[in-house]
Protein backbone atom coordinates (compact mmCIF):
# COMPACT_ATOMS: atom_id res chain seq x y z
CA MET A 1 118.15 128.99 98.28
CA ILE A 2 116.43 130.40 101.36
CA VAL A 3 118.84 132.40 103.49
CA ASN A 4 118.54 133.45 107.09
CA GLU A 5 116.09 136.34 107.33
CA GLN A 6 118.22 138.13 109.90
CA THR A 7 121.16 138.31 107.49
CA THR A 8 119.11 139.64 104.59
CA GLY A 9 117.34 142.34 106.53
CA ASN A 10 114.21 141.94 104.43
CA ASN A 11 111.92 141.40 107.47
CA LYS A 12 110.13 138.56 105.68
CA THR A 13 108.56 135.78 107.70
CA MET A 14 109.10 132.18 106.64
CA SER A 15 105.41 131.88 105.80
CA SER A 16 105.89 134.48 103.07
CA TYR A 17 107.62 131.79 101.00
CA LEU A 18 104.53 129.60 101.04
CA ALA A 19 102.02 129.49 98.21
CA PRO A 20 99.06 131.74 99.15
CA LEU A 21 96.61 128.93 98.35
CA VAL A 22 98.21 126.64 100.90
CA LYS A 23 98.23 129.33 103.57
CA GLN A 24 94.51 129.88 103.07
CA ILE A 25 93.61 126.22 103.69
CA PRO A 26 92.57 125.66 107.31
CA PRO A 27 93.92 122.65 109.22
CA SER A 28 91.65 119.63 109.58
CA GLY A 29 88.82 120.47 111.94
CA ILE A 30 88.89 116.89 113.21
CA ARG A 31 92.59 116.75 114.03
CA LYS A 32 92.63 120.28 115.37
CA PHE A 33 89.85 119.43 117.81
CA PHE A 34 91.40 116.16 118.96
CA ASP A 35 94.74 117.77 119.64
CA LEU A 36 92.91 119.09 122.70
CA VAL A 37 92.37 115.54 123.91
CA GLY A 38 96.06 114.72 124.20
CA ASP A 39 96.87 111.77 126.44
CA ASN A 40 94.05 112.33 128.92
CA LYS A 41 92.99 108.82 129.93
CA ASP A 42 89.72 110.03 131.47
CA ILE A 43 88.33 111.13 128.10
CA ILE A 44 86.15 108.80 126.04
CA THR A 45 86.85 109.45 122.37
CA LEU A 46 84.07 109.10 119.79
CA GLY A 47 85.96 111.07 117.23
CA VAL A 48 88.52 109.67 114.83
CA GLY A 49 87.05 107.44 112.13
CA GLU A 50 89.10 104.34 112.85
CA PRO A 51 88.08 100.78 113.73
CA ASP A 52 88.90 99.74 117.28
CA PHE A 53 89.78 96.27 115.98
CA VAL A 54 93.38 95.23 115.34
CA THR A 55 94.10 93.99 111.82
CA PRO A 56 93.31 90.24 111.92
CA TRP A 57 96.28 88.06 112.81
CA HIS A 58 96.63 86.13 109.52
CA MET A 59 96.84 89.41 107.56
CA ARG A 60 99.63 90.61 109.83
CA GLU A 61 101.29 87.21 109.54
CA ALA A 62 101.21 87.40 105.74
CA CYS A 63 103.05 90.69 105.96
CA VAL A 64 105.65 89.33 108.38
CA TYR A 65 106.22 86.29 106.19
CA SER A 66 106.70 88.49 103.13
CA LEU A 67 109.36 90.46 105.00
CA GLU A 68 111.10 87.25 106.06
CA ARG A 69 111.23 86.26 102.40
CA GLY A 70 112.79 89.61 101.53
CA MET A 71 109.84 91.13 99.67
CA THR A 72 111.01 94.69 100.25
CA SER A 73 111.33 95.97 96.67
CA TYR A 74 109.09 98.15 94.53
CA THR A 75 106.04 96.53 93.01
CA SER A 76 104.52 97.47 89.68
CA ASN A 77 103.50 101.13 89.76
CA ALA A 78 99.85 100.12 89.52
CA GLY A 79 100.22 97.51 92.25
CA MET A 80 100.89 93.79 92.48
CA PRO A 81 99.10 92.00 89.60
CA LYS A 82 97.70 89.38 91.99
CA LEU A 83 96.22 92.07 94.23
CA ARG A 84 94.66 93.91 91.28
CA GLU A 85 93.17 90.63 90.10
CA ALA A 86 91.78 89.99 93.57
CA ILE A 87 90.29 93.50 93.74
CA SER A 88 88.70 93.00 90.32
CA SER A 89 87.13 89.69 91.36
CA TYR A 90 86.00 91.09 94.72
CA LEU A 91 84.25 94.13 93.21
CA ASP A 92 82.56 91.97 90.59
CA THR A 93 81.31 89.45 93.16
CA GLN A 94 80.35 91.88 95.92
CA PHE A 95 79.18 95.02 94.10
CA ASP A 96 78.48 94.06 90.48
CA THR A 97 81.23 96.32 89.12
CA LYS A 98 83.65 94.83 86.61
CA TYR A 99 87.14 96.26 86.06
CA ASP A 100 90.06 94.90 84.05
CA PRO A 101 92.97 94.45 86.48
CA LYS A 102 95.48 95.21 83.73
CA ASP A 103 94.51 98.78 82.93
CA GLU A 104 91.49 99.84 85.03
CA ILE A 105 92.83 99.52 88.60
CA ILE A 106 95.59 101.29 90.55
CA VAL A 107 96.60 100.32 94.09
CA THR A 108 97.18 103.57 95.99
CA VAL A 109 98.53 104.82 99.31
CA GLY A 110 95.13 104.75 100.95
CA GLY A 111 91.91 106.07 99.51
CA SER A 112 93.13 109.60 100.18
CA GLU A 113 95.85 109.37 97.54
CA ALA A 114 93.29 108.03 95.08
CA ILE A 115 91.04 111.06 95.61
CA ASP A 116 94.02 113.38 95.25
CA LEU A 117 95.13 111.64 92.04
CA ALA A 118 91.65 111.83 90.55
CA LEU A 119 91.21 115.53 91.29
CA ARG A 120 94.69 116.48 90.11
CA ALA A 121 94.19 114.60 86.87
CA LEU A 122 90.76 116.11 86.19
CA ILE A 123 90.85 119.71 87.41
CA VAL A 124 91.61 122.69 85.24
CA PRO A 125 91.91 125.87 87.36
CA GLY A 126 88.44 127.33 87.77
CA ASP A 127 86.56 124.04 87.46
CA GLU A 128 83.80 123.60 90.02
CA ILE A 129 83.75 120.45 92.15
CA LEU A 130 80.31 119.60 93.54
CA ILE A 131 80.38 118.08 97.02
CA PRO A 132 77.24 117.01 98.94
CA GLU A 133 77.45 118.39 102.48
CA PRO A 134 77.95 117.54 105.29
CA SER A 135 81.05 115.96 103.75
CA TYR A 136 84.39 114.42 104.60
CA VAL A 137 86.75 117.24 105.54
CA ALA A 138 89.45 116.52 102.93
CA TYR A 139 87.47 116.96 99.72
CA SER A 140 87.29 120.73 99.59
CA PRO A 141 90.96 121.36 100.49
CA ILE A 142 92.22 118.82 97.95
CA ALA A 143 90.00 120.36 95.27
CA SER A 144 91.29 123.83 96.14
CA ILE A 145 94.93 122.74 96.04
CA GLY A 146 94.31 121.48 92.51
CA GLY A 147 92.92 124.85 91.44
CA GLY A 148 89.31 123.79 91.61
CA ILE A 149 86.42 125.58 93.28
CA PRO A 150 84.53 123.41 95.78
CA VAL A 151 80.77 123.92 95.71
CA GLY A 152 78.62 122.50 98.49
CA VAL A 153 75.41 120.67 97.63
CA GLU A 154 73.01 120.80 100.56
CA THR A 155 71.58 117.65 102.12
CA TYR A 156 69.18 117.47 105.06
CA ALA A 157 68.30 115.22 107.98
CA LYS A 158 64.67 115.13 106.79
CA ASP A 159 65.95 113.38 103.64
CA GLN A 160 68.24 111.09 105.69
CA PHE A 161 71.12 113.18 104.31
CA LYS A 162 70.70 111.67 100.83
CA VAL A 163 71.74 113.91 97.96
CA THR A 164 68.78 114.71 95.70
CA ALA A 165 68.69 115.35 91.98
CA GLU A 166 66.99 118.70 92.63
CA ALA A 167 69.74 119.92 94.96
CA LEU A 168 72.45 118.72 92.59
CA GLU A 169 70.79 120.37 89.59
CA ALA A 170 70.44 123.65 91.48
CA SER A 171 74.18 123.70 92.21
CA ILE A 172 75.37 123.15 88.64
CA THR A 173 76.83 125.97 86.55
CA PRO A 174 78.70 126.00 83.22
CA LYS A 175 81.92 125.58 85.25
CA SER A 176 80.79 122.37 86.96
CA LYS A 177 82.95 119.38 86.06
CA VAL A 178 83.26 116.83 88.89
CA VAL A 179 80.88 115.48 91.53
CA ILE A 180 82.26 113.73 94.61
CA LEU A 181 79.83 111.19 96.01
CA CYS A 182 80.64 109.59 99.37
CA TYR A 183 78.06 106.93 100.24
CA PRO A 184 77.92 105.37 102.76
CA SER A 185 78.59 108.82 104.11
CA ASN A 186 81.18 110.20 106.41
CA PRO A 187 79.94 111.94 108.60
CA THR A 188 76.23 111.12 108.46
CA GLY A 189 76.08 107.37 107.85
CA ALA A 190 73.63 107.94 105.00
CA ILE A 191 73.39 105.47 102.12
CA MET A 192 71.89 105.63 98.62
CA THR A 193 69.72 102.90 97.12
CA TYR A 194 69.50 101.93 93.45
CA GLU A 195 66.31 103.98 93.17
CA ASP A 196 68.02 106.95 94.83
CA TRP A 197 70.88 106.82 92.32
CA LEU A 198 68.80 106.75 89.13
CA PRO A 199 67.75 110.45 89.10
CA ILE A 200 71.29 111.44 90.15
CA ALA A 201 72.63 109.54 87.15
CA GLU A 202 70.27 111.42 84.84
CA VAL A 203 71.61 114.76 86.10
CA ILE A 204 75.19 113.53 85.65
CA LYS A 205 74.48 112.54 82.04
CA LYS A 206 72.53 115.70 81.26
CA HIS A 207 75.43 117.92 82.32
CA ASP A 208 78.23 115.61 81.15
CA LEU A 209 79.90 115.41 84.56
CA ILE A 210 82.57 113.09 85.95
CA VAL A 211 81.98 111.35 89.29
CA ILE A 212 84.47 110.43 91.98
CA ALA A 213 82.64 107.78 94.02
CA ASP A 214 84.33 107.44 97.41
CA GLU A 215 83.06 104.04 98.54
CA ILE A 216 85.52 103.36 101.34
CA TYR A 217 82.61 102.36 103.62
CA ALA A 218 80.92 100.13 101.01
CA GLU A 219 81.15 97.00 103.16
CA LEU A 220 79.71 98.76 106.20
CA THR A 221 75.97 98.74 105.49
CA TYR A 222 73.42 97.23 107.84
CA ASN A 223 69.97 96.69 106.44
CA GLN A 224 70.73 96.38 102.75
CA LYS A 225 73.66 95.83 100.43
CA HIS A 226 75.70 98.76 99.17
CA VAL A 227 74.90 99.91 95.64
CA SER A 228 77.96 101.22 93.82
CA PHE A 229 77.35 104.27 91.67
CA ALA A 230 79.55 102.66 89.01
CA SER A 231 77.00 99.82 88.72
CA ILE A 232 74.22 102.20 87.63
CA PRO A 233 73.52 101.98 83.86
CA ASP A 234 75.78 104.24 81.75
CA MET A 235 77.73 105.43 84.80
CA LYS A 236 80.80 103.17 84.84
CA ASP A 237 82.82 105.06 82.21
CA ARG A 238 82.21 108.45 83.83
CA THR A 239 82.86 107.19 87.39
CA ILE A 240 86.18 106.88 89.22
CA LEU A 241 85.55 104.40 92.02
CA VAL A 242 87.70 104.88 95.12
CA SER A 243 87.92 102.40 97.97
CA GLY A 244 90.41 100.59 100.17
CA PHE A 245 91.08 98.34 103.13
CA SER A 246 91.21 100.81 106.02
CA LYS A 247 87.66 100.66 107.33
CA ALA A 248 86.19 97.24 106.51
CA PHE A 249 89.38 95.26 107.21
CA ALA A 250 90.72 97.37 110.13
CA MET A 251 93.83 98.34 108.16
CA THR A 252 93.99 102.12 108.58
CA GLY A 253 97.72 102.30 109.28
CA TRP A 254 98.65 100.09 106.34
CA ARG A 255 97.60 102.81 103.88
CA ILE A 256 96.37 100.59 101.07
CA GLY A 257 93.57 101.84 98.83
CA TYR A 258 92.64 101.56 95.20
CA MET A 259 90.93 103.37 92.37
CA CYS A 260 89.13 102.00 89.35
CA GLY A 261 87.96 103.63 86.15
CA HIS A 262 88.12 104.02 82.40
CA PRO A 263 91.55 103.02 81.02
CA GLU A 264 92.25 106.52 79.65
CA LEU A 265 91.55 108.13 83.01
CA ILE A 266 93.49 105.50 84.93
CA ALA A 267 96.50 105.88 82.61
CA ALA A 268 96.61 109.62 83.31
CA MET A 269 96.36 109.11 87.05
CA LEU A 270 99.02 106.42 86.94
CA LYS A 271 101.47 108.99 85.57
CA ILE A 272 100.96 111.20 88.61
CA HIS A 273 101.19 108.17 90.90
CA GLN A 274 104.49 107.15 89.26
CA TYR A 275 106.09 110.52 89.84
CA THR A 276 104.88 110.98 93.42
CA VAL A 277 104.80 107.74 95.40
CA MET A 278 106.04 105.17 92.83
CA CYS A 279 103.91 102.40 94.32
CA ALA A 280 102.02 101.49 97.47
CA PRO A 281 104.10 99.67 100.13
CA ALA A 282 104.75 96.07 99.08
CA MET A 283 104.15 94.56 102.51
CA GLY A 284 100.82 96.36 102.80
CA GLN A 285 99.78 95.01 99.43
CA VAL A 286 100.59 91.48 100.63
CA ALA A 287 98.36 91.97 103.69
CA ALA A 288 95.57 93.38 101.50
CA LEU A 289 95.76 90.35 99.22
CA GLU A 290 95.44 88.10 102.26
CA ALA A 291 92.43 90.16 103.40
CA LEU A 292 90.58 89.53 100.14
CA THR A 293 91.67 85.91 99.94
CA ASN A 294 90.99 84.72 103.48
CA GLY A 295 89.63 87.67 105.46
CA LEU A 296 86.00 88.09 104.44
CA GLY A 297 84.75 86.20 107.48
CA GLU A 298 86.52 88.55 109.89
CA LYS A 299 85.19 91.51 107.93
CA ASP A 300 81.63 90.24 108.32
CA ARG A 301 82.09 89.71 112.07
CA MET A 302 83.38 93.26 112.50
CA VAL A 303 80.40 94.62 110.57
CA GLU A 304 77.99 92.72 112.82
CA SER A 305 79.70 94.20 115.88
CA TYR A 306 79.33 97.71 114.42
CA ASN A 307 75.66 97.01 113.80
CA GLN A 308 75.12 96.15 117.47
CA ARG A 309 76.84 99.38 118.51
CA ARG A 310 74.90 101.37 115.91
CA ARG A 311 71.60 100.33 117.44
CA LEU A 312 72.89 101.11 120.92
CA ILE A 313 74.09 104.63 120.15
CA VAL A 314 71.08 105.70 118.08
CA GLN A 315 68.63 104.57 120.75
CA GLY A 316 70.84 106.16 123.39
CA PHE A 317 70.71 109.57 121.73
CA ARG A 318 66.96 109.33 121.31
CA ASP A 319 66.55 108.40 124.97
CA ILE A 320 68.57 111.49 125.89
CA GLY A 321 66.16 113.56 123.81
CA LEU A 322 68.45 114.31 120.87
CA ASP A 323 67.02 113.75 117.41
CA CYS A 324 69.15 111.26 115.51
CA HIS A 325 68.42 109.84 112.09
CA GLU A 326 69.25 106.15 111.80
CA PRO A 327 72.57 105.73 109.93
CA GLN A 328 72.44 102.82 107.50
CA GLY A 329 76.16 102.74 106.74
CA ALA A 330 79.70 103.56 107.91
CA PHE A 331 80.24 103.78 111.70
CA TYR A 332 79.04 107.27 112.60
CA ALA A 333 75.97 108.68 114.28
CA PHE A 334 75.10 112.31 113.54
CA PRO A 335 72.71 113.51 116.24
CA SER A 336 71.18 116.97 116.22
CA ILE A 337 72.11 119.12 119.21
CA GLN A 338 69.97 122.07 118.12
CA LYS A 339 67.54 121.62 121.04
CA THR A 340 70.31 122.58 123.46
CA GLY A 341 70.69 126.04 121.91
CA LEU A 342 74.47 125.58 121.69
CA SER A 343 76.50 125.80 118.52
CA SER A 344 78.28 122.63 117.39
CA ASP A 345 81.65 124.06 118.42
CA LEU A 346 80.51 125.14 121.86
CA PHE A 347 78.64 121.89 122.52
CA ALA A 348 81.70 119.80 121.58
CA GLU A 349 84.11 121.98 123.56
CA ARG A 350 81.99 121.96 126.71
CA LEU A 351 81.23 118.25 126.41
CA LEU A 352 84.97 117.61 126.27
CA THR A 353 86.02 119.88 129.11
CA GLU A 354 83.08 119.32 131.45
CA ASN A 355 82.05 115.71 130.86
CA LYS A 356 85.14 114.19 129.25
CA VAL A 357 83.66 112.97 125.96
CA ALA A 358 85.32 113.88 122.69
CA ALA A 359 83.18 114.11 119.55
CA VAL A 360 83.50 116.17 116.38
CA PRO A 361 81.44 119.35 115.94
CA GLY A 362 79.29 118.98 112.85
CA ASN A 363 80.26 122.32 111.31
CA VAL A 364 83.75 121.04 110.42
CA PHE A 365 81.99 119.01 107.71
CA GLY A 366 80.56 122.13 106.10
CA PRO A 367 77.81 124.64 106.88
CA GLN A 368 75.12 121.94 106.65
CA GLY A 369 76.72 120.22 109.61
CA GLU A 370 76.08 123.07 112.03
CA GLY A 371 73.77 121.95 114.81
CA PHE A 372 75.02 118.36 114.70
CA LEU A 373 77.72 116.26 116.31
CA ARG A 374 79.63 113.39 114.69
CA CYS A 375 80.11 110.42 117.00
CA SER A 376 82.00 107.32 115.90
CA TYR A 377 80.64 104.09 117.32
CA ALA A 378 83.78 102.17 116.36
CA THR A 379 84.57 101.65 120.03
CA SER A 380 83.56 99.16 122.70
CA VAL A 381 80.00 98.78 123.97
CA SER A 382 81.14 99.63 127.49
CA GLN A 383 82.77 102.84 126.30
CA LEU A 384 79.71 103.78 124.26
CA SER A 385 77.41 103.17 127.21
CA GLU A 386 79.53 105.32 129.49
CA ALA A 387 79.81 108.04 126.83
CA LEU A 388 76.03 108.13 126.40
CA GLU A 389 75.55 108.48 130.14
CA ARG A 390 78.00 111.40 130.24
CA ILE A 391 76.37 113.06 127.21
CA GLY A 392 72.96 112.65 128.82
CA ASN A 393 74.20 114.30 132.00
CA PHE A 394 75.69 117.15 129.99
CA VAL A 395 72.51 117.74 127.98
CA TYR A 396 70.46 117.76 131.19
CA LYS A 397 72.81 120.33 132.72
CA VAL A 398 72.64 122.57 129.63
CA GLN A 399 68.84 122.40 129.56
CA LYS A 400 68.69 123.40 133.23
CA GLU A 401 70.89 126.40 132.44
CA GLY A 402 68.38 127.51 129.83
């Protein structure tokens, strides 16, 4: 029992009761930055990775109907059997990855829970977790909470931010155990082709590593179809595939994801899932089932809209004079702001305060992100056009200062 500090006279602060590891973890660089935005209506936000579309009507209607029928109880811990069957069929048809819905799939509370489950089930304190950078901000903190040691693997704009076998090999030590691969990439929009994956797979086999493949943006590719790492020869059994409905189906707030893998790994992760969240929300699972059953057309239309915006923003940055590799997936552009002479933090802060555009400084995604800016193009064409004009004005002003 924690008693009032004033009555004990021990002069301890409340934070002294916290685990040191938790105190050392910084808050999300994305959320911390966008707290500055607040409710300012004059600011154009290119920051949070969320579709600007509302979940399609018939998916919402399926949820409402399930509530009217009283479907408010727990589901199976692993998720509704019909949804797992639909996920299995969808992955087989779309990405050539086959999973048994009975014992190789868990429906989770978003993809984030799936990543957490995988790392908690795999990590022994001291294990090294290899993470290509720039990377999604949550990987390193989750690995650290589990007792792991996150190790960045450098990627570069000159390589279109693809992870290379040479960089991965150079980062491996006897303590290396898990590799997290996020392609299409948040924050860079990079993708990996079948040919890109083959040498990575050889390194994985050589060093007997396990892969967590975060493929939440798998549907959001623009010039070629996504290649799942689990579909590469000999990689399925050593890959935990993570995905969900948030990005492609505009269902971020529903918090429905899933993970797929070898039955022995899935069984271990299911135990953690049982004791923490029990099951994903039933009504969200109903909406997800409707998405896979009748929502693929809406998904394709949203992807085409993102593609139009992708071309607009990339050309816009280049017209401004900022180097920007062409993202082939997700809904982020990652322009270089190095020519301005400003750090990522300072560029983003001044852009926000002086020209009312919010974007994420690249360094929050790891050291390799310094000198870049993450801009989500999951917003309207009119907003993107106005944001580009404001960014162009800001860059011109900074260059004049120099």
